[in-house]
């Protein structure tokens, strides 16, 4: 059974990885009563470590993509968060212009939204950071990324325009965002320089729906935009309906591409959990050897597409090459420096 002291110890261990301690100012951002227990526990853990801690609690939004909008128009709140060394984000500012402004000021941001058992199962390690950062260096040098599969996926991303983002579950670097838990990396293809076919197969994940794919879907990409979504089953219909519901052509834009590196994350998690509504789906996004194709916004890498439609598709049994070098083959990470122990 999870006790309050267990939770405080867990959160304190995370803050220690983030180098929170004496002389540091830590802000906890929350909205309404959502994750009130997290806010209280983080404040206790931060004070235990000697940090100067304050809590910024804002009114909740009524509906829609409210978590992205909680800071909209709240200049005093934004300035307060910019004054901190680290912000514990219990709302979810990701993809927002406000988050970009806060990190540009040198404040680091740690987003924490998953249930406690997921936080514990996927707790980050320094060893994971080393591997993810090594992968980031490889991706940062590459000028072409290609994904293929036996099922028929063959898509090419031109690289160099956008930075690489590494996510290993904690942040101790000025201006850096991360998400506890995570364990993957990503970048964005150059504008209008993504071409090919993606075959989404049974067992792949539609993360927006917390759902495993049941029937094959063929997505055609031309000049960085999805031009066709084909398939006779329910999954193609779901994807088309979901994207169409935003009434935004930018929703069809190909967004980030990367691969999962967290050996503690489980592909089967959605089939075994009873708390799907409470999860963002980090097990699915980070499981070891997945290739993560995404549609929608690219503001997290500095782009200007801020569409509200976001569709992450972690895929199994794919091959990923950087400038012709194999990085993932049929779901197995190849370079020794990137491989987890025992994998």
Protein backbone atom coordinates (compact mmCIF):
# COMPACT_ATOMS: atom_id res chain seq x y z
CA UNK A 1 0.00 0.00 0.00
CA UNK A 2 1.25 3.47 -0.96
CA UNK A 3 1.78 5.67 2.12
CA UNK A 4 2.30 9.42 2.33
CA UNK A 5 5.90 8.87 3.46
CA UNK A 6 6.53 6.52 0.52
CA UNK A 7 5.25 9.16 -1.89
CA UNK A 8 7.34 11.89 -0.27
CA UNK A 9 10.46 9.71 -0.53
CA UNK A 10 9.72 8.99 -4.20
CA UNK A 11 9.22 12.66 -5.04
CA UNK A 12 12.31 13.65 -3.04
CA UNK A 13 14.41 11.14 -5.00
CA UNK A 14 13.15 12.69 -8.25
CA UNK A 15 13.98 16.21 -7.05
CA UNK A 16 17.47 15.05 -6.06
CA UNK A 17 18.03 13.94 -9.67
CA UNK A 18 16.89 17.45 -10.69
CA UNK A 19 19.54 18.95 -8.33
CA UNK A 20 16.94 20.71 -6.20
CA UNK A 21 18.49 21.88 -2.94
CA UNK A 22 19.63 24.89 -0.90
CA UNK A 23 19.75 28.08 -2.93
CA UNK A 24 17.21 26.79 -5.45
CA UNK A 25 13.76 28.33 -5.94
CA UNK A 26 11.15 25.69 -6.81
CA UNK A 27 7.64 26.54 -8.02
CA UNK A 28 4.81 24.02 -8.05
CA UNK A 29 2.16 24.80 -10.69
CA UNK A 30 -1.29 23.27 -10.27
CA UNK A 31 -4.85 23.99 -11.32
CA UNK A 32 -7.90 23.77 -9.08
CA UNK A 33 -7.93 20.59 -7.01
CA UNK A 34 -6.31 18.40 -9.69
CA UNK A 35 -3.25 16.57 -8.28
CA UNK A 36 -3.52 18.48 -5.02
CA UNK A 37 -1.78 15.57 -3.28
CA UNK A 38 1.12 15.83 -5.74
CA UNK A 39 1.42 19.57 -5.11
CA UNK A 40 1.53 19.12 -1.34
CA UNK A 41 4.00 16.24 -1.54
CA UNK A 42 6.35 18.07 -3.91
CA UNK A 43 6.35 21.09 -1.59
CA UNK A 44 7.23 18.88 1.37
CA UNK A 45 9.96 17.10 -0.59
CA UNK A 46 11.41 20.40 -1.86
CA UNK A 47 11.51 21.88 1.62
CA UNK A 48 13.15 18.68 2.94
CA UNK A 49 15.95 19.30 0.44
CA UNK A 50 16.39 22.91 1.51
CA UNK A 51 14.81 24.64 -1.50
CA UNK A 52 12.76 27.84 -1.34
CA UNK A 53 9.36 26.53 -2.45
CA UNK A 54 6.17 28.26 -3.52
CA UNK A 55 2.88 26.96 -4.90
CA UNK A 56 1.02 28.65 -7.77
CA UNK A 57 -2.52 27.31 -7.98
CA UNK A 58 -4.65 28.65 -10.84
CA UNK A 59 -8.36 28.23 -11.56
CA UNK A 60 -9.16 25.25 -13.75
CA UNK A 61 -10.57 25.68 -17.25
CA UNK A 62 -14.03 24.23 -17.94
CA UNK A 63 -13.36 21.95 -20.92
CA UNK A 64 -11.53 21.26 -24.16
CA UNK A 65 -7.74 21.56 -24.28
CA UNK A 66 -7.83 23.39 -20.98
CA UNK A 67 -4.53 22.19 -19.64
CA UNK A 68 -2.66 23.98 -22.45
CA UNK A 69 -4.50 27.22 -21.71
CA UNK A 70 -4.32 27.55 -17.95
CA UNK A 71 -1.65 30.29 -18.17
CA UNK A 72 -3.11 32.15 -21.14
CA UNK A 73 -3.28 35.87 -20.38
CA UNK A 74 -1.93 35.47 -16.83
CA UNK A 75 1.16 37.67 -17.07
CA UNK A 76 1.81 37.85 -13.32
CA UNK A 77 1.74 34.05 -13.07
CA UNK A 78 4.13 33.65 -16.00
CA UNK A 79 6.58 36.13 -14.49
CA UNK A 80 6.41 34.35 -11.14
CA UNK A 81 7.27 31.02 -12.78
CA UNK A 82 10.13 32.62 -14.74
CA UNK A 83 11.62 33.73 -11.41
CA UNK A 84 12.02 30.12 -10.27
CA UNK A 85 14.95 27.81 -10.96
CA UNK A 86 12.59 24.89 -11.57
CA UNK A 87 8.84 24.56 -12.10
CA UNK A 88 7.05 21.33 -11.25
CA UNK A 89 4.26 21.35 -13.84
CA UNK A 90 1.20 19.45 -12.61
CA UNK A 91 -1.02 21.00 -15.30
CA UNK A 92 0.65 20.16 -18.61
CA UNK A 93 2.04 23.26 -20.32
CA UNK A 94 3.57 21.23 -23.14
CA UNK A 95 3.02 22.74 -26.63
CA UNK A 96 2.14 26.12 -25.10
CA UNK A 97 3.82 29.42 -25.95
CA UNK A 98 3.86 30.20 -22.24
CA UNK A 99 6.08 27.19 -21.51
CA UNK A 100 8.48 28.26 -24.24
CA UNK A 101 8.72 31.71 -22.66
CA UNK A 102 9.39 30.22 -19.23
CA UNK A 103 12.16 27.89 -20.40
CA UNK A 104 13.69 30.66 -22.52
CA UNK A 105 14.20 32.58 -19.27
CA UNK A 106 16.42 29.75 -18.02
CA UNK A 107 13.83 28.07 -15.80
CA UNK A 108 13.80 24.31 -16.09
CA UNK A 109 10.43 22.56 -16.16
CA UNK A 110 9.48 19.07 -15.02
CA UNK A 111 6.03 17.87 -16.07
CA UNK A 112 4.45 15.25 -13.78
CA UNK A 113 1.00 13.94 -14.68
CA UNK A 114 1.06 10.14 -14.46
CA UNK A 115 -0.28 8.04 -11.55
CA UNK A 116 2.14 7.22 -8.75
CA UNK A 117 2.54 3.57 -9.70
CA UNK A 118 3.65 4.60 -13.21
CA UNK A 119 6.07 7.15 -11.75
CA UNK A 120 7.56 4.40 -9.62
CA UNK A 121 7.65 1.71 -12.32
CA UNK A 122 9.43 3.99 -14.80
CA UNK A 123 11.60 5.90 -12.32
CA UNK A 124 14.55 7.43 -14.21
CA UNK A 125 18.21 6.58 -13.80
CA UNK A 126 21.47 8.30 -14.62
CA UNK A 127 22.35 5.33 -16.84
CA UNK A 128 19.19 5.96 -18.88
CA UNK A 129 20.17 9.61 -19.25
CA UNK A 130 23.58 8.63 -20.62
CA UNK A 131 22.04 6.35 -23.25
CA UNK A 132 19.35 8.84 -24.30
CA UNK A 133 21.88 11.67 -24.58
CA UNK A 134 24.17 9.46 -26.68
CA UNK A 135 21.23 8.77 -28.98
CA UNK A 136 20.54 12.50 -29.13
CA UNK A 137 24.08 13.16 -30.32
CA UNK A 138 23.67 10.58 -33.08
CA UNK A 139 20.37 12.05 -34.19
CA UNK A 140 21.78 15.57 -34.04
CA UNK A 141 24.53 14.67 -36.53
CA UNK A 142 22.19 12.92 -38.98
CA UNK A 143 20.76 14.50 -42.09
CA UNK A 144 18.32 11.74 -42.98
CA UNK A 145 16.13 9.43 -40.93
CA UNK A 146 14.35 6.52 -42.60
CA UNK A 147 11.76 4.16 -41.11
CA UNK A 148 10.87 0.88 -42.79
CA UNK A 149 9.07 -2.33 -41.83
CA UNK A 150 8.18 -5.71 -43.27
CA UNK A 151 4.55 -4.51 -43.23
CA UNK A 152 5.33 -1.86 -45.85
CA UNK A 153 6.33 1.28 -43.95
CA UNK A 154 8.89 3.29 -45.89
CA UNK A 155 9.15 6.95 -44.93
CA UNK A 156 12.05 9.36 -45.14
CA UNK A 157 12.61 12.46 -42.96
CA UNK A 158 15.10 15.13 -43.98
CA UNK A 159 16.84 16.44 -40.87
CA UNK A 160 18.79 19.53 -39.73
CA UNK A 161 16.15 22.28 -39.42
CA UNK A 162 14.94 21.39 -35.92
CA UNK A 163 16.72 20.43 -32.70
CA UNK A 164 16.71 17.04 -31.03
CA UNK A 165 14.79 16.74 -27.76
CA UNK A 166 15.87 14.12 -25.25
CA UNK A 167 13.53 12.92 -22.52
CA UNK A 168 14.99 10.82 -19.73
CA UNK A 169 12.75 11.80 -16.83
CA UNK A 170 14.51 14.59 -14.93
CA UNK A 171 16.14 17.96 -15.55
CA UNK A 172 19.11 19.67 -13.92
CA UNK A 173 20.07 21.94 -16.85
CA UNK A 174 19.05 25.60 -17.17
CA UNK A 175 16.06 26.11 -19.47
CA UNK A 176 15.48 22.39 -20.04
CA UNK A 177 12.05 20.70 -20.05
CA UNK A 178 11.51 17.05 -19.24
CA UNK A 179 8.72 14.70 -18.27
CA UNK A 180 8.74 12.23 -15.41
CA UNK A 181 8.48 9.47 -16.51
CA UNK A 182 9.81 9.17 -20.06
CA UNK A 183 12.82 7.61 -21.79
CA UNK A 184 12.91 8.46 -25.50
CA UNK A 185 14.06 11.14 -27.93
CA UNK A 186 12.61 12.94 -30.90
CA UNK A 187 13.11 15.52 -33.58
CA UNK A 188 11.07 17.01 -36.40
CA UNK A 189 11.59 16.49 -40.12
CA UNK A 190 12.50 19.54 -42.17
CA UNK A 191 9.53 21.53 -43.45
CA UNK A 192 8.07 19.88 -46.58
CA UNK A 193 10.84 17.24 -46.49
CA UNK A 194 9.01 14.16 -45.18
CA UNK A 195 7.86 11.65 -47.80
CA UNK A 196 6.61 8.10 -47.82
CA UNK A 197 4.21 5.53 -46.43
CA UNK A 198 3.44 4.50 -42.86
CA UNK A 199 1.75 1.15 -42.29
CA UNK A 200 0.12 1.15 -38.85
CA UNK A 201 -0.35 -2.45 -37.86
CA UNK A 202 -2.21 -4.48 -35.22
CA UNK A 203 -0.45 -4.04 -31.89
CA UNK A 204 0.76 -0.53 -32.65
CA UNK A 205 -0.70 2.14 -30.37
CA UNK A 206 -3.00 5.10 -30.99
CA UNK A 207 -1.96 6.94 -27.87
CA UNK A 208 -4.69 9.59 -28.02
CA UNK A 209 -7.24 6.79 -27.63
CA UNK A 210 -5.20 4.59 -25.24
CA UNK A 211 -5.92 1.86 -27.79
CA UNK A 212 -4.03 -0.89 -29.59
CA UNK A 213 -4.55 -0.95 -33.35
CA UNK A 214 -6.74 -3.83 -34.48
CA UNK A 215 -6.77 -3.40 -38.27
CA UNK A 216 -4.08 -2.17 -40.70
CA UNK A 217 -3.99 1.51 -41.67
CA UNK A 218 -1.99 2.99 -44.53
CA UNK A 219 -0.96 6.64 -44.23
CA UNK A 220 0.53 8.40 -47.24
CA UNK A 221 2.76 11.42 -46.61
CA UNK A 222 3.70 14.01 -49.23
CA UNK A 223 5.82 17.09 -48.47
CA UNK A 224 5.30 16.65 -44.74
CA UNK A 225 1.50 16.32 -44.86
CA UNK A 226 -0.71 13.24 -44.60
CA UNK A 227 -2.59 13.07 -47.89
CA UNK A 228 -4.44 9.78 -47.41
CA UNK A 229 -5.54 7.54 -44.53
CA UNK A 230 -6.67 4.20 -45.90
CA UNK A 231 -7.99 1.03 -44.31
CA UNK A 232 -11.16 -1.04 -44.18
CA UNK A 233 -11.30 -1.42 -40.41
CA UNK A 234 -12.32 0.74 -37.48
CA UNK A 235 -8.85 2.19 -36.87
CA UNK A 236 -8.59 4.12 -40.14
CA UNK A 237 -12.08 5.50 -39.52
CA UNK A 238 -11.14 6.54 -35.98
CA UNK A 239 -7.99 8.34 -37.13
CA UNK A 240 -9.82 10.16 -39.92
CA UNK A 241 -12.68 11.19 -37.64
CA UNK A 242 -10.36 12.35 -34.88
CA UNK A 243 -8.27 14.57 -37.17
CA UNK A 244 -11.31 15.93 -39.00
CA UNK A 245 -12.93 16.93 -35.69
CA UNK A 246 -10.36 19.70 -35.21
CA UNK A 247 -11.29 21.38 -38.49
CA UNK A 248 -7.64 22.38 -38.94
CA UNK A 249 -5.55 21.46 -41.98
CA UNK A 250 -2.42 21.71 -39.84
CA UNK A 251 -3.60 18.62 -37.96
CA UNK A 252 -2.46 16.56 -40.96
CA UNK A 253 1.14 17.76 -40.62
CA UNK A 254 3.76 15.18 -39.74
CA UNK A 255 5.22 16.10 -36.38
CA UNK A 256 8.03 14.52 -34.37
CA UNK A 257 9.85 11.25 -35.00
CA UNK A 258 11.96 9.25 -32.56
CA UNK A 259 12.31 5.98 -30.71
CA UNK A 260 11.72 4.55 -27.22
CA UNK A 261 14.62 3.64 -24.92
CA UNK A 262 13.07 2.85 -21.54
CA UNK A 263 13.47 -0.83 -20.73
CA UNK A 264 11.18 -0.38 -17.71
CA UNK A 265 8.25 0.69 -19.90
CA UNK A 266 5.86 -2.04 -21.02
CA UNK A 267 4.18 -2.25 -24.42
CA UNK A 268 1.42 -4.38 -22.83
CA UNK A 269 0.64 -1.79 -20.14
CA UNK A 270 -2.67 -0.59 -21.60
CA UNK A 271 -3.94 -4.16 -21.52
CA UNK A 272 -3.09 -4.60 -17.85
CA UNK A 273 -3.97 -1.27 -16.21
CA UNK A 274 -7.34 -0.23 -14.82
CA UNK A 275 -6.59 3.49 -14.82
CA UNK A 276 -6.45 4.42 -18.50
CA UNK A 277 -8.39 7.65 -18.00
CA UNK A 278 -5.77 8.87 -15.53
CA UNK A 279 -2.77 8.24 -17.78
CA UNK A 280 -1.06 10.07 -20.62
CA UNK A 281 0.39 6.78 -21.82
CA UNK A 282 4.10 7.04 -21.09
CA UNK A 283 4.54 3.27 -21.10
CA UNK A 284 3.40 3.30 -24.73
CA UNK A 285 5.53 6.29 -25.76
CA UNK A 286 8.74 5.06 -24.15
CA UNK A 287 8.74 1.26 -24.45
CA UNK A 288 12.09 -0.06 -25.58
CA UNK A 289 12.62 -0.19 -29.35
CA UNK A 290 9.37 1.44 -30.45
CA UNK A 291 9.44 3.92 -33.34
CA UNK A 292 7.30 6.91 -32.48
CA UNK A 293 5.56 8.60 -35.41
CA UNK A 294 3.50 11.69 -34.59
CA UNK A 295 1.10 14.09 -36.28
CA UNK A 296 0.18 17.61 -35.22
CA UNK A 297 1.98 20.38 -33.33
CA UNK A 298 5.70 21.06 -33.47
CA UNK A 299 6.04 24.01 -31.09
CA UNK A 300 8.03 21.85 -28.67
CA UNK A 301 10.93 21.86 -31.16
CA UNK A 302 10.50 25.53 -32.07
CA UNK A 303 8.08 25.20 -34.99
CA UNK A 304 5.00 27.32 -35.60
CA UNK A 305 2.31 24.63 -35.88
CA UNK A 306 0.28 24.95 -32.70
CA UNK A 307 -2.71 22.89 -33.79
CA UNK A 308 -4.65 21.35 -30.90
CA UNK A 309 -4.70 17.96 -32.65
CA UNK A 310 -1.91 15.65 -31.50
CA UNK A 311 -1.66 11.99 -32.46
CA UNK A 312 1.26 9.89 -31.24
CA UNK A 313 1.64 6.45 -32.80
CA UNK A 314 4.23 4.17 -31.12
CA UNK A 315 4.94 1.38 -33.60
CA UNK A 316 6.44 -2.08 -33.10
CA UNK A 317 8.64 -4.19 -35.36
CA UNK A 318 10.08 -1.25 -37.29
CA UNK A 319 13.54 -0.41 -38.58
CA UNK A 320 15.03 3.06 -38.13
CA UNK A 321 18.20 4.24 -39.84
CA UNK A 322 20.15 7.49 -39.45
CA UNK A 323 22.13 8.32 -42.59
CA UNK A 324 21.96 4.64 -43.46
CA UNK A 325 23.21 3.42 -40.07
CA UNK A 326 20.84 0.96 -38.37
CA UNK A 327 19.63 2.24 -35.00
CA UNK A 328 16.53 0.08 -34.50
CA UNK A 329 16.00 -3.20 -36.36
CA UNK A 330 12.67 -4.96 -35.93
CA UNK A 331 12.23 -3.31 -32.55
CA UNK A 332 15.76 -4.06 -31.29
CA UNK A 333 18.18 -1.20 -30.56
CA UNK A 334 21.46 -1.94 -32.32
CA UNK A 335 24.33 0.43 -31.29
CA UNK A 336 25.94 -0.92 -28.13
CA UNK A 337 26.19 2.51 -26.55
CA UNK A 338 22.40 2.90 -26.74
CA UNK A 339 21.41 -0.51 -25.45
CA UNK A 340 20.11 -1.12 -21.95
CA UNK A 341 21.86 -3.77 -19.89
CA UNK A 342 20.55 -7.20 -20.76
CA UNK A 343 18.84 -5.98 -23.95
